[in-house]
């Protein structure tokens, strides 16, 4: 698994092609829909360390999974 911070030209946090997945401390797996409020809510849960956030970024020939390791960069895309 790669880290979002390692993407050379920046991770496309705001792209509708990226699928976000939340893993809670209670071991629940949740798909984060493309609603701005859901993306904001998960930002605060990750900041409070009650969840971890992952993303699947589809490519032309494969999809890669990333750990969102800089929640502030993610937040800039959804917290205005």
N, C-alpha and C. Protein backbone atom coordinates (compact mmCIF):
# COMPACT_ATOMS: atom_id res chain seq x y z
N UNK A 1 0.85 -1.16 0.00
CA UNK A 1 0.00 0.00 0.00
C UNK A 1 0.90 1.23 0.00
N UNK A 2 0.50 2.22 -0.76
CA UNK A 2 1.26 3.46 -0.85
C UNK A 2 0.67 4.50 0.08
N UNK A 3 1.42 5.57 0.28
CA UNK A 3 0.95 6.71 1.07
C UNK A 3 0.63 7.85 0.13
N UNK A 4 -0.47 8.55 0.40
CA UNK A 4 -0.89 9.65 -0.46
C UNK A 4 0.18 10.73 -0.55
N UNK A 5 0.94 10.93 0.51
CA UNK A 5 1.97 11.96 0.52
C UNK A 5 3.12 11.64 -0.43
N UNK A 6 3.22 10.41 -0.89
CA UNK A 6 4.29 10.01 -1.79
C UNK A 6 3.98 10.24 -3.26
N UNK A 7 2.77 10.67 -3.57
CA UNK A 7 2.40 10.91 -4.97
C UNK A 7 3.16 12.12 -5.47
N UNK A 8 3.88 11.95 -6.55
CA UNK A 8 4.82 12.96 -7.03
C UNK A 8 4.19 14.32 -7.30
N UNK A 9 3.09 14.37 -7.98
CA UNK A 9 2.47 15.66 -8.33
C UNK A 9 1.25 15.98 -7.47
N UNK A 10 1.16 15.34 -6.33
CA UNK A 10 0.05 15.57 -5.41
C UNK A 10 -1.10 14.61 -5.63
N UNK A 11 -1.67 14.19 -4.55
CA UNK A 11 -2.80 13.25 -4.60
C UNK A 11 -4.06 14.01 -5.00
N UNK A 12 -4.91 13.44 -5.87
CA UNK A 12 -6.12 14.13 -6.32
C UNK A 12 -7.28 13.99 -5.33
N UNK A 13 -7.15 14.60 -4.17
CA UNK A 13 -8.14 14.45 -3.11
C UNK A 13 -9.56 14.77 -3.56
N UNK A 14 -9.73 15.79 -4.36
CA UNK A 14 -11.06 16.23 -4.75
C UNK A 14 -11.65 15.51 -5.96
N UNK A 15 -10.94 14.56 -6.52
CA UNK A 15 -11.42 13.87 -7.71
C UNK A 15 -12.60 12.96 -7.39
N UNK A 16 -13.59 12.97 -8.27
CA UNK A 16 -14.74 12.07 -8.12
C UNK A 16 -14.38 10.63 -8.45
N UNK A 17 -13.21 10.41 -9.02
CA UNK A 17 -12.77 9.05 -9.35
C UNK A 17 -12.16 8.33 -8.15
N UNK A 18 -11.79 9.07 -7.13
CA UNK A 18 -11.16 8.48 -5.95
C UNK A 18 -12.24 7.99 -4.99
N UNK A 19 -12.10 6.74 -4.55
CA UNK A 19 -13.02 6.14 -3.59
C UNK A 19 -12.36 6.14 -2.22
N UNK A 20 -13.04 6.72 -1.22
CA UNK A 20 -12.50 6.79 0.14
C UNK A 20 -13.12 5.72 1.02
N UNK A 21 -12.28 5.12 1.85
CA UNK A 21 -12.70 4.05 2.73
C UNK A 21 -12.20 4.37 4.14
N UNK A 22 -13.11 4.31 5.09
CA UNK A 22 -12.77 4.60 6.49
C UNK A 22 -12.69 3.29 7.26
N UNK A 23 -11.67 3.17 8.10
CA UNK A 23 -11.52 2.03 8.99
C UNK A 23 -11.55 2.57 10.41
N UNK A 24 -12.60 2.22 11.15
CA UNK A 24 -12.78 2.77 12.49
C UNK A 24 -12.04 1.94 13.53
N UNK A 25 -11.87 2.52 14.72
CA UNK A 25 -11.25 1.78 15.83
C UNK A 25 -12.07 0.56 16.22
N UNK A 26 -13.37 0.60 15.93
CA UNK A 26 -14.26 -0.53 16.21
C UNK A 26 -14.20 -1.59 15.12
N UNK A 27 -13.23 -1.44 14.21
CA UNK A 27 -12.99 -2.39 13.12
C UNK A 27 -14.09 -2.40 12.06
N UNK A 28 -14.83 -1.31 11.96
CA UNK A 28 -15.82 -1.18 10.90
C UNK A 28 -15.15 -0.62 9.66
N UNK A 29 -15.63 -1.04 8.51
CA UNK A 29 -15.15 -0.51 7.23
C UNK A 29 -16.33 0.23 6.61
N UNK A 30 -16.10 1.50 6.26
CA UNK A 30 -17.17 2.33 5.70
C UNK A 30 -16.71 2.97 4.40
N UNK A 31 -17.57 2.95 3.43
CA UNK A 31 -17.34 3.65 2.18
C UNK A 31 -17.81 5.08 2.37
N UNK A 32 -16.98 6.05 2.04
CA UNK A 32 -17.32 7.47 2.17
C UNK A 32 -17.84 7.93 0.81
N UNK A 33 -19.11 8.27 0.80
CA UNK A 33 -19.72 8.69 -0.46
C UNK A 33 -19.21 10.06 -0.89
N UNK A 34 -19.58 10.48 -2.05
CA UNK A 34 -19.08 11.73 -2.64
C UNK A 34 -19.84 12.96 -2.15
N UNK A 35 -20.45 12.87 -1.00
CA UNK A 35 -21.12 14.02 -0.41
C UNK A 35 -20.11 14.81 0.42
N UNK A 36 -20.09 16.10 0.23
CA UNK A 36 -19.12 16.93 0.92
C UNK A 36 -19.23 16.77 2.43
N UNK A 37 -20.44 16.70 2.96
CA UNK A 37 -20.60 16.57 4.41
C UNK A 37 -19.99 15.27 4.93
N UNK A 38 -20.17 14.17 4.22
CA UNK A 38 -19.56 12.91 4.66
C UNK A 38 -18.05 13.00 4.64
N UNK A 39 -17.51 13.66 3.63
CA UNK A 39 -16.05 13.81 3.54
C UNK A 39 -15.52 14.73 4.64
N UNK A 40 -16.30 15.72 5.00
CA UNK A 40 -15.91 16.58 6.12
C UNK A 40 -15.97 15.82 7.44
N UNK A 41 -17.03 15.07 7.63
CA UNK A 41 -17.20 14.32 8.87
C UNK A 41 -16.04 13.35 9.10
N UNK A 42 -15.63 12.64 8.07
CA UNK A 42 -14.53 11.68 8.23
C UNK A 42 -13.23 12.41 8.52
N UNK A 43 -13.06 13.59 7.99
CA UNK A 43 -11.87 14.41 8.29
C UNK A 43 -11.73 14.59 9.81
N UNK A 44 -12.82 14.97 10.46
CA UNK A 44 -12.77 15.20 11.90
C UNK A 44 -12.57 13.91 12.69
N UNK A 45 -13.14 12.81 12.23
CA UNK A 45 -12.93 11.53 12.92
C UNK A 45 -11.46 11.09 12.82
N UNK A 46 -10.87 11.29 11.67
CA UNK A 46 -9.45 10.94 11.50
C UNK A 46 -8.57 11.86 12.34
N UNK A 47 -8.89 13.15 12.36
CA UNK A 47 -8.13 14.09 13.18
C UNK A 47 -8.19 13.71 14.65
N UNK A 48 -9.34 13.21 15.08
CA UNK A 48 -9.52 12.79 16.48
C UNK A 48 -8.99 11.39 16.75
N UNK A 49 -8.37 10.80 15.73
CA UNK A 49 -7.75 9.48 15.81
C UNK A 49 -8.74 8.36 16.14
N UNK A 50 -10.00 8.54 15.75
CA UNK A 50 -10.97 7.47 15.93
C UNK A 50 -11.13 6.63 14.67
N UNK A 51 -10.46 7.04 13.58
CA UNK A 51 -10.52 6.31 12.32
C UNK A 51 -9.23 6.51 11.54
N UNK A 52 -9.05 5.64 10.56
CA UNK A 52 -8.00 5.80 9.55
C UNK A 52 -8.71 5.92 8.21
N UNK A 53 -8.08 6.63 7.30
CA UNK A 53 -8.68 6.86 5.99
C UNK A 53 -7.78 6.32 4.90
N UNK A 54 -8.40 5.64 3.96
CA UNK A 54 -7.71 5.07 2.81
C UNK A 54 -8.44 5.52 1.55
N UNK A 55 -7.74 5.43 0.44
CA UNK A 55 -8.35 5.81 -0.83
C UNK A 55 -7.91 4.84 -1.91
N UNK A 56 -8.82 4.57 -2.83
CA UNK A 56 -8.49 3.80 -4.02
C UNK A 56 -8.55 4.76 -5.19
N UNK A 57 -7.43 4.85 -5.90
CA UNK A 57 -7.31 5.75 -7.04
C UNK A 57 -7.20 4.88 -8.29
N UNK A 58 -8.25 4.87 -9.11
CA UNK A 58 -8.22 4.01 -10.30
C UNK A 58 -7.30 4.59 -11.37
N UNK A 59 -6.53 3.71 -11.96
CA UNK A 59 -5.66 4.09 -13.06
C UNK A 59 -6.15 3.46 -14.35
N UNK A 60 -5.35 3.59 -15.38
CA UNK A 60 -5.74 3.04 -16.69
C UNK A 60 -5.72 1.52 -16.69
N UNK A 61 -4.73 0.93 -16.03
CA UNK A 61 -4.58 -0.52 -16.06
C UNK A 61 -4.73 -1.19 -14.69
N UNK A 62 -4.75 -0.40 -13.62
CA UNK A 62 -4.92 -0.96 -12.29
C UNK A 62 -5.38 0.15 -11.34
N UNK A 63 -5.87 -0.27 -10.19
CA UNK A 63 -6.25 0.68 -9.15
C UNK A 63 -5.32 0.50 -7.97
N UNK A 64 -4.83 1.59 -7.42
CA UNK A 64 -3.92 1.54 -6.29
C UNK A 64 -4.62 2.04 -5.03
N UNK A 65 -4.25 1.44 -3.91
CA UNK A 65 -4.79 1.85 -2.62
C UNK A 65 -3.74 2.69 -1.90
N UNK A 66 -4.22 3.75 -1.26
CA UNK A 66 -3.35 4.68 -0.56
C UNK A 66 -3.83 4.90 0.86
N UNK A 67 -2.90 5.03 1.76
CA UNK A 67 -3.22 5.51 3.09
C UNK A 67 -3.19 7.03 3.04
N UNK A 68 -4.24 7.66 3.55
CA UNK A 68 -4.26 9.13 3.63
C UNK A 68 -3.48 9.48 4.89
N UNK A 69 -2.22 9.79 4.70
CA UNK A 69 -1.31 9.99 5.83
C UNK A 69 -1.12 11.46 6.20
N UNK A 70 -1.68 12.36 5.44
CA UNK A 70 -1.66 13.79 5.79
C UNK A 70 -3.09 14.30 5.73
N UNK A 71 -3.79 14.20 6.85
CA UNK A 71 -5.21 14.54 6.88
C UNK A 71 -5.45 16.02 6.60
N UNK A 72 -4.47 16.86 6.84
CA UNK A 72 -4.63 18.29 6.57
C UNK A 72 -4.72 18.55 5.06
N UNK A 73 -3.94 17.85 4.26
CA UNK A 73 -4.04 18.00 2.80
C UNK A 73 -5.41 17.53 2.30
N UNK A 74 -5.87 16.41 2.85
CA UNK A 74 -7.22 15.93 2.52
C UNK A 74 -8.24 17.00 2.89
N UNK A 75 -8.12 17.55 4.09
CA UNK A 75 -9.08 18.54 4.58
C UNK A 75 -9.15 19.78 3.71
N UNK A 76 -8.03 20.19 3.15
CA UNK A 76 -8.02 21.39 2.28
C UNK A 76 -8.92 21.21 1.07
N UNK A 77 -9.13 19.99 0.64
CA UNK A 77 -10.00 19.73 -0.51
C UNK A 77 -11.48 19.83 -0.16
N UNK A 78 -11.83 19.65 1.13
CA UNK A 78 -13.24 19.57 1.50
C UNK A 78 -13.68 20.55 2.58
N UNK A 79 -12.76 21.16 3.28
CA UNK A 79 -13.09 22.10 4.34
C UNK A 79 -12.78 23.50 3.83
N UNK A 80 -13.79 24.25 3.60
CA UNK A 80 -13.60 25.62 3.07
C UNK A 80 -13.94 26.63 4.13
